[in-house]
Amino acid sequence: MTTLDSRRPTARDRSADARGIVRQSSDIHPTERIVRRRRKALPGVLALLFGHVLDRQLASGRSPAAGGIVAARAGYLLSDARWELVQSWQRVLDQAGRAPRARDPHAPLCRDRIIDAGGDVRTMLDVLSSGRAVSPRGVAMAGLLLSDGTGPLYNRNCPVNLPAALRVVTTHLETTLS
């Protein structure tokens, strides 16, 4: 018969501190457990808070291998945000195909530009929704293009060519090394 003290500690029971000293989980103060959880959660929270800034950095070529909140944001973009982005772009395509409503609370779309670029939007959506590995840079670029109120989706005076921009986004989506 084994007593509680004589059993061999499992990985769940053990925890190493910064010096590598292994301690029983019962020796860990409850406050220390909370601090450890917060350290793990902090990059994710910061990645959500500073998402737009981090998206701009990723879209301009910053590598997620830098770690920290950039890596956390890249992870978010490749999981939850990827599927939300597909739905948002699909809604834009649907809205562009319908007549504008009076008193629509959404930003006015440049419907003719979106309809003209429909094939490029669908190609981008096919890559995003395929389930294949995509680049966080491409996902960030697609999200910024969608959310930029001064960009070609919403601003008629924007000099950016929407089909060309979508092709660049699709190219970066397919480049999984960035």
C-alpha atoms as a PDB file:
ATOM      1  CA  MET A   1       0.000   0.000   0.000  1.00  0.00           C
ATOM      2  CA  THR A   2       1.375   3.390  -0.984  1.00  0.00           C
ATOM      3  CA  THR A   3       0.854   6.472   1.033  1.00  0.00           C
ATOM      4  CA  LEU A   4       0.367   9.895  -0.415  1.00  0.00           C
ATOM      5  CA  ASP A   5       3.927  10.882   0.479  1.00  0.00           C
ATOM      6  CA  SER A   6       5.594   7.780  -0.972  1.00  0.00           C
ATOM      7  CA  ARG A   7       4.057   7.899  -4.443  1.00  0.00           C
ATOM      8  CA  ARG A   8       6.138   9.179  -7.322  1.00  0.00           C
ATOM      9  CA  PRO A   9       5.096  12.683  -8.422  1.00  0.00           C
ATOM     10  CA  THR A  10       3.600  12.929 -11.909  1.00  0.00           C
ATOM     11  CA  ALA A  11       4.190  15.745 -14.390  1.00  0.00           C
ATOM     12  CA  ARG A  12       0.947  17.260 -13.200  1.00  0.00           C
ATOM     13  CA  ASP A  13       2.179  17.246  -9.620  1.00  0.00           C
ATOM     14  CA  ARG A  14       5.575  18.716 -10.408  1.00  0.00           C
ATOM     15  CA  SER A  15       6.502  22.187 -11.437  1.00  0.00           C
ATOM     16  CA  ALA A  16       9.932  23.665 -12.083  1.00  0.00           C
ATOM     17  CA  ASP A  17      10.681  27.190 -10.977  1.00  0.00           C
ATOM     18  CA  ALA A  18      12.974  29.599 -12.852  1.00  0.00           C
ATOM     19  CA  ARG A  19      16.068  27.890 -11.397  1.00  0.00           C
ATOM     20  CA  GLY A  20      14.880  24.443 -12.521  1.00  0.00           C
ATOM     21  CA  ILE A  21      14.084  23.218  -9.019  1.00  0.00           C
ATOM     22  CA  VAL A  22      11.201  20.740  -9.196  1.00  0.00           C
ATOM     23  CA  ARG A  23       8.493  21.227  -6.591  1.00  0.00           C
ATOM     24  CA  GLN A  24       5.285  19.437  -5.773  1.00  0.00           C
ATOM     25  CA  SER A  25       2.146  21.232  -6.979  1.00  0.00           C
ATOM     26  CA  SER A  26       1.031  21.420  -3.367  1.00  0.00           C
ATOM     27  CA  ASP A  27       4.122  23.557  -2.683  1.00  0.00           C
ATOM     28  CA  ILE A  28       3.099  26.128  -5.306  1.00  0.00           C
ATOM     29  CA  HIS A  29       1.285  29.074  -3.841  1.00  0.00           C
ATOM     30  CA  PRO A  30      -2.158  29.728  -5.431  1.00  0.00           C
ATOM     31  CA  THR A  31      -1.069  33.260  -6.361  1.00  0.00           C
ATOM     32  CA  GLU A  32       1.873  31.837  -8.297  1.00  0.00           C
ATOM     33  CA  ARG A  33      -0.515  29.632 -10.296  1.00  0.00           C
ATOM     34  CA  ILE A  34      -2.549  32.709 -11.258  1.00  0.00           C
ATOM     35  CA  VAL A  35       0.597  34.592 -12.310  1.00  0.00           C
ATOM     36  CA  ARG A  36       1.678  31.659 -14.498  1.00  0.00           C
ATOM     37  CA  ARG A  37      -1.716  31.538 -16.208  1.00  0.00           C
ATOM     38  CA  ARG A  38      -1.603  35.290 -16.789  1.00  0.00           C
ATOM     39  CA  ARG A  39       1.875  35.077 -18.302  1.00  0.00           C
ATOM     40  CA  LYS A  40       0.569  32.537 -20.801  1.00  0.00           C
ATOM     41  CA  ALA A  41      -2.600  34.532 -21.531  1.00  0.00           C
ATOM     42  CA  LEU A  42      -1.038  37.999 -21.679  1.00  0.00           C
ATOM     43  CA  PRO A  43       0.317  37.776 -25.272  1.00  0.00           C
ATOM     44  CA  GLY A  44      -3.105  36.633 -26.502  1.00  0.00           C
ATOM     45  CA  VAL A  45      -4.901  39.486 -24.758  1.00  0.00           C
ATOM     46  CA  LEU A  46      -2.398  42.041 -26.054  1.00  0.00           C
ATOM     47  CA  ALA A  47      -2.667  40.557 -29.545  1.00  0.00           C
ATOM     48  CA  LEU A  48      -6.419  41.212 -29.485  1.00  0.00           C
ATOM     49  CA  LEU A  49      -6.077  44.705 -28.032  1.00  0.00           C
ATOM     50  CA  PHE A  50      -3.427  45.799 -30.520  1.00  0.00           C
ATOM     51  CA  GLY A  51      -4.755  43.695 -33.393  1.00  0.00           C
ATOM     52  CA  HIS A  52      -4.956  46.430 -35.996  1.00  0.00           C
ATOM     53  CA  VAL A  53      -1.394  47.621 -35.320  1.00  0.00           C
ATOM     54  CA  LEU A  54      -0.075  44.058 -35.364  1.00  0.00           C
ATOM     55  CA  ASP A  55      -2.013  43.310 -38.558  1.00  0.00           C
ATOM     56  CA  ARG A  56      -0.326  46.273 -40.226  1.00  0.00           C
ATOM     57  CA  GLN A  57       3.068  44.986 -39.100  1.00  0.00           C
ATOM     58  CA  LEU A  58       2.350  41.459 -40.332  1.00  0.00           C
ATOM     59  CA  ALA A  59       0.960  42.776 -43.616  1.00  0.00           C
ATOM     60  CA  SER A  60       4.108  44.808 -44.189  1.00  0.00           C
ATOM     61  CA  GLY A  61       6.250  41.697 -43.770  1.00  0.00           C
ATOM     62  CA  ARG A  62       7.118  41.375 -40.071  1.00  0.00           C
ATOM     63  CA  SER A  63       7.769  37.733 -39.289  1.00  0.00           C
ATOM     64  CA  PRO A  64       5.611  35.993 -36.684  1.00  0.00           C
ATOM     65  CA  ALA A  65       8.768  34.120 -35.702  1.00  0.00           C
ATOM     66  CA  ALA A  66       9.667  37.252 -33.735  1.00  0.00           C
ATOM     67  CA  GLY A  67       7.559  35.717 -30.970  1.00  0.00           C
ATOM     68  CA  GLY A  68       5.513  37.400 -28.271  1.00  0.00           C
ATOM     69  CA  ILE A  69       2.367  39.217 -29.239  1.00  0.00           C
ATOM     70  CA  VAL A  70       3.215  39.112 -32.962  1.00  0.00           C
ATOM     71  CA  ALA A  71       3.236  35.314 -32.847  1.00  0.00           C
ATOM     72  CA  ALA A  72       0.028  35.314 -30.789  1.00  0.00           C
ATOM     73  CA  ARG A  73      -1.662  37.577 -33.340  1.00  0.00           C
ATOM     74  CA  ALA A  74      -0.473  35.389 -36.217  1.00  0.00           C
ATOM     75  CA  GLY A  75      -1.906  32.351 -34.443  1.00  0.00           C
ATOM     76  CA  TYR A  76      -5.232  34.123 -33.993  1.00  0.00           C
ATOM     77  CA  LEU A  77      -5.293  35.169 -37.662  1.00  0.00           C
ATOM     78  CA  LEU A  78      -4.712  31.589 -38.754  1.00  0.00           C
ATOM     79  CA  SER A  79      -7.497  30.183 -36.612  1.00  0.00           C
ATOM     80  CA  ASP A  80     -10.567  32.194 -35.623  1.00  0.00           C
ATOM     81  CA  ALA A  81     -10.010  35.315 -37.693  1.00  0.00           C
ATOM     82  CA  ARG A  82      -9.492  33.365 -40.898  1.00  0.00           C
ATOM     83  CA  TRP A  83     -13.030  31.974 -40.879  1.00  0.00           C
ATOM     84  CA  GLU A  84     -14.569  35.267 -39.724  1.00  0.00           C
ATOM     85  CA  LEU A  85     -12.753  36.966 -42.596  1.00  0.00           C
ATOM     86  CA  VAL A  86     -14.252  34.557 -45.133  1.00  0.00           C
ATOM     87  CA  GLN A  87     -17.735  35.350 -43.827  1.00  0.00           C
ATOM     88  CA  SER A  88     -17.107  39.110 -43.858  1.00  0.00           C
ATOM     89  CA  TRP A  89     -15.815  39.078 -47.436  1.00  0.00           C
ATOM     90  CA  GLN A  90     -18.790  36.952 -48.469  1.00  0.00           C
ATOM     91  CA  ARG A  91     -21.139  39.536 -46.914  1.00  0.00           C
ATOM     92  CA  VAL A  92     -19.385  42.304 -48.863  1.00  0.00           C
ATOM     93  CA  LEU A  93     -19.881  40.349 -52.101  1.00  0.00           C
ATOM     94  CA  ASP A  94     -23.547  39.799 -51.246  1.00  0.00           C
ATOM     95  CA  GLN A  95     -24.134  43.457 -50.370  1.00  0.00           C
ATOM     96  CA  ALA A  96     -22.407  44.629 -53.537  1.00  0.00           C
ATOM     97  CA  GLY A  97     -24.803  42.545 -55.604  1.00  0.00           C
ATOM     98  CA  ARG A  98     -27.894  44.083 -53.983  1.00  0.00           C
ATOM     99  CA  ALA A  99     -29.335  47.538 -54.391  1.00  0.00           C
ATOM    100  CA  PRO A 100     -28.306  49.922 -51.606  1.00  0.00           C
ATOM    101  CA  ARG A 101     -30.796  50.336 -48.784  1.00  0.00           C
ATOM    102  CA  ALA A 102     -31.917  53.707 -47.520  1.00  0.00           C
ATOM    103  CA  ARG A 103     -30.422  54.513 -44.120  1.00  0.00           C
ATOM    104  CA  ASP A 104     -27.996  51.603 -44.225  1.00  0.00           C
ATOM    105  CA  PRO A 105     -25.776  51.807 -41.114  1.00  0.00           C
ATOM    106  CA  HIS A 106     -22.819  50.245 -42.941  1.00  0.00           C
ATOM    107  CA  ALA A 107     -20.188  52.236 -44.800  1.00  0.00           C
ATOM    108  CA  PRO A 108     -21.191  52.710 -48.431  1.00  0.00           C
ATOM    109  CA  LEU A 109     -19.526  50.236 -50.743  1.00  0.00           C
ATOM    110  CA  CYS A 110     -18.075  50.947 -54.168  1.00  0.00           C
ATOM    111  CA  ARG A 111     -20.376  48.304 -55.580  1.00  0.00           C
ATOM    112  CA  ASP A 112     -19.193  48.524 -59.170  1.00  0.00           C
ATOM    113  CA  ARG A 113     -15.551  47.996 -58.143  1.00  0.00           C
ATOM    114  CA  ILE A 114     -16.450  44.998 -56.004  1.00  0.00           C
ATOM    115  CA  ILE A 115     -18.590  43.430 -58.724  1.00  0.00           C
ATOM    116  CA  ASP A 116     -15.805  43.973 -61.284  1.00  0.00           C
ATOM    117  CA  ALA A 117     -13.323  42.314 -58.901  1.00  0.00           C
ATOM    118  CA  GLY A 118     -15.737  39.492 -57.982  1.00  0.00           C
ATOM    119  CA  GLY A 119     -13.616  36.794 -59.609  1.00  0.00           C
ATOM    120  CA  ASP A 120     -10.528  37.897 -57.692  1.00  0.00           C
ATOM    121  CA  VAL A 121     -12.516  38.041 -54.437  1.00  0.00           C
ATOM    122  CA  ARG A 122     -13.784  34.499 -55.016  1.00  0.00           C
ATOM    123  CA  THR A 123     -10.268  33.254 -55.785  1.00  0.00           C
ATOM    124  CA  MET A 124      -9.019  34.785 -52.541  1.00  0.00           C
ATOM    125  CA  LEU A 125     -11.958  33.266 -50.643  1.00  0.00           C
ATOM    126  CA  ASP A 126     -11.253  29.843 -52.166  1.00  0.00           C
ATOM    127  CA  VAL A 127      -7.691  29.979 -50.831  1.00  0.00           C
ATOM    128  CA  LEU A 128      -8.814  31.257 -47.410  1.00  0.00           C
ATOM    129  CA  SER A 129     -11.553  28.662 -47.001  1.00  0.00           C
ATOM    130  CA  SER A 130      -9.661  25.716 -48.488  1.00  0.00           C
ATOM    131  CA  GLY A 131      -8.279  24.512 -45.168  1.00  0.00           C
ATOM    132  CA  ARG A 132      -4.736  24.551 -46.540  1.00  0.00           C
ATOM    133  CA  ALA A 133      -1.974  26.346 -44.684  1.00  0.00           C
ATOM    134  CA  VAL A 134      -1.940  30.052 -45.453  1.00  0.00           C
ATOM    135  CA  SER A 135       0.353  32.869 -44.502  1.00  0.00           C
ATOM    136  CA  PRO A 136      -0.549  35.150 -41.574  1.00  0.00           C
ATOM    137  CA  ARG A 137       0.733  38.011 -43.720  1.00  0.00           C
ATOM    138  CA  GLY A 138      -1.888  37.286 -46.386  1.00  0.00           C
ATOM    139  CA  VAL A 139      -4.673  36.973 -43.811  1.00  0.00           C
ATOM    140  CA  ALA A 140      -3.642  40.292 -42.254  1.00  0.00           C
ATOM    141  CA  MET A 141      -3.599  41.924 -45.692  1.00  0.00           C
ATOM    142  CA  ALA A 142      -7.081  40.596 -46.511  1.00  0.00           C
ATOM    143  CA  GLY A 143      -8.418  41.886 -43.196  1.00  0.00           C
ATOM    144  CA  LEU A 144      -6.857  45.319 -43.630  1.00  0.00           C
ATOM    145  CA  LEU A 145      -8.224  45.634 -47.150  1.00  0.00           C
ATOM    146  CA  LEU A 146     -11.668  44.830 -45.796  1.00  0.00           C
ATOM    147  CA  SER A 147     -11.498  47.185 -42.804  1.00  0.00           C
ATOM    148  CA  ASP A 148      -9.772  50.195 -44.395  1.00  0.00           C
ATOM    149  CA  GLY A 149     -12.442  52.854 -44.841  1.00  0.00           C
ATOM    150  CA  THR A 150     -10.113  54.854 -47.085  1.00  0.00           C
ATOM    151  CA  GLY A 151      -9.362  51.824 -49.284  1.00  0.00           C
ATOM    152  CA  PRO A 152     -10.790  50.724 -52.635  1.00  0.00           C
ATOM    153  CA  LEU A 153     -13.849  48.963 -51.165  1.00  0.00           C
ATOM    154  CA  TYR A 154     -15.324  52.129 -49.684  1.00  0.00           C
ATOM    155  CA  ASN A 155     -13.557  55.158 -51.162  1.00  0.00           C
ATOM    156  CA  ARG A 156     -14.195  55.982 -54.779  1.00  0.00           C
ATOM    157  CA  ASN A 157     -11.183  58.337 -54.810  1.00  0.00           C
ATOM    158  CA  CYS A 158      -8.760  55.637 -53.661  1.00  0.00           C
ATOM    159  CA  PRO A 159      -6.148  55.078 -56.379  1.00  0.00           C
ATOM    160  CA  VAL A 160      -5.611  51.409 -55.417  1.00  0.00           C
ATOM    161  CA  ASN A 161      -6.722  48.968 -58.084  1.00  0.00           C
ATOM    162  CA  LEU A 162      -8.953  46.486 -56.236  1.00  0.00           C
ATOM    163  CA  PRO A 163      -8.403  43.453 -58.517  1.00  0.00           C
ATOM    164  CA  ALA A 164      -4.627  43.975 -58.386  1.00  0.00           C
ATOM    165  CA  ALA A 165      -4.707  44.340 -54.590  1.00  0.00           C
ATOM    166  CA  LEU A 166      -6.741  41.129 -54.273  1.00  0.00           C
ATOM    167  CA  ARG A 167      -4.268  39.248 -56.469  1.00  0.00           C
ATOM    168  CA  VAL A 168      -1.396  40.431 -54.242  1.00  0.00           C
ATOM    169  CA  VAL A 169      -3.309  39.277 -51.144  1.00  0.00           C
ATOM    170  CA  THR A 170      -3.981  35.875 -52.740  1.00  0.00           C
ATOM    171  CA  THR A 171      -0.295  35.523 -53.651  1.00  0.00           C
ATOM    172  CA  HIS A 172       0.720  36.262 -50.073  1.00  0.00           C
ATOM    173  CA  LEU A 173      -1.912  33.864 -48.718  1.00  0.00           C
ATOM    174  CA  GLU A 174      -0.389  31.049 -50.750  1.00  0.00           C
ATOM    175  CA  THR A 175       3.143  31.895 -49.581  1.00  0.00           C
ATOM    176  CA  THR A 176       3.167  30.009 -46.285  1.00  0.00           C
ATOM    177  CA  LEU A 177       6.794  30.798 -45.466  1.00  0.00           C
ATOM    178  CA  SER A 178       6.160  34.410 -44.385  1.00  0.00           C
END
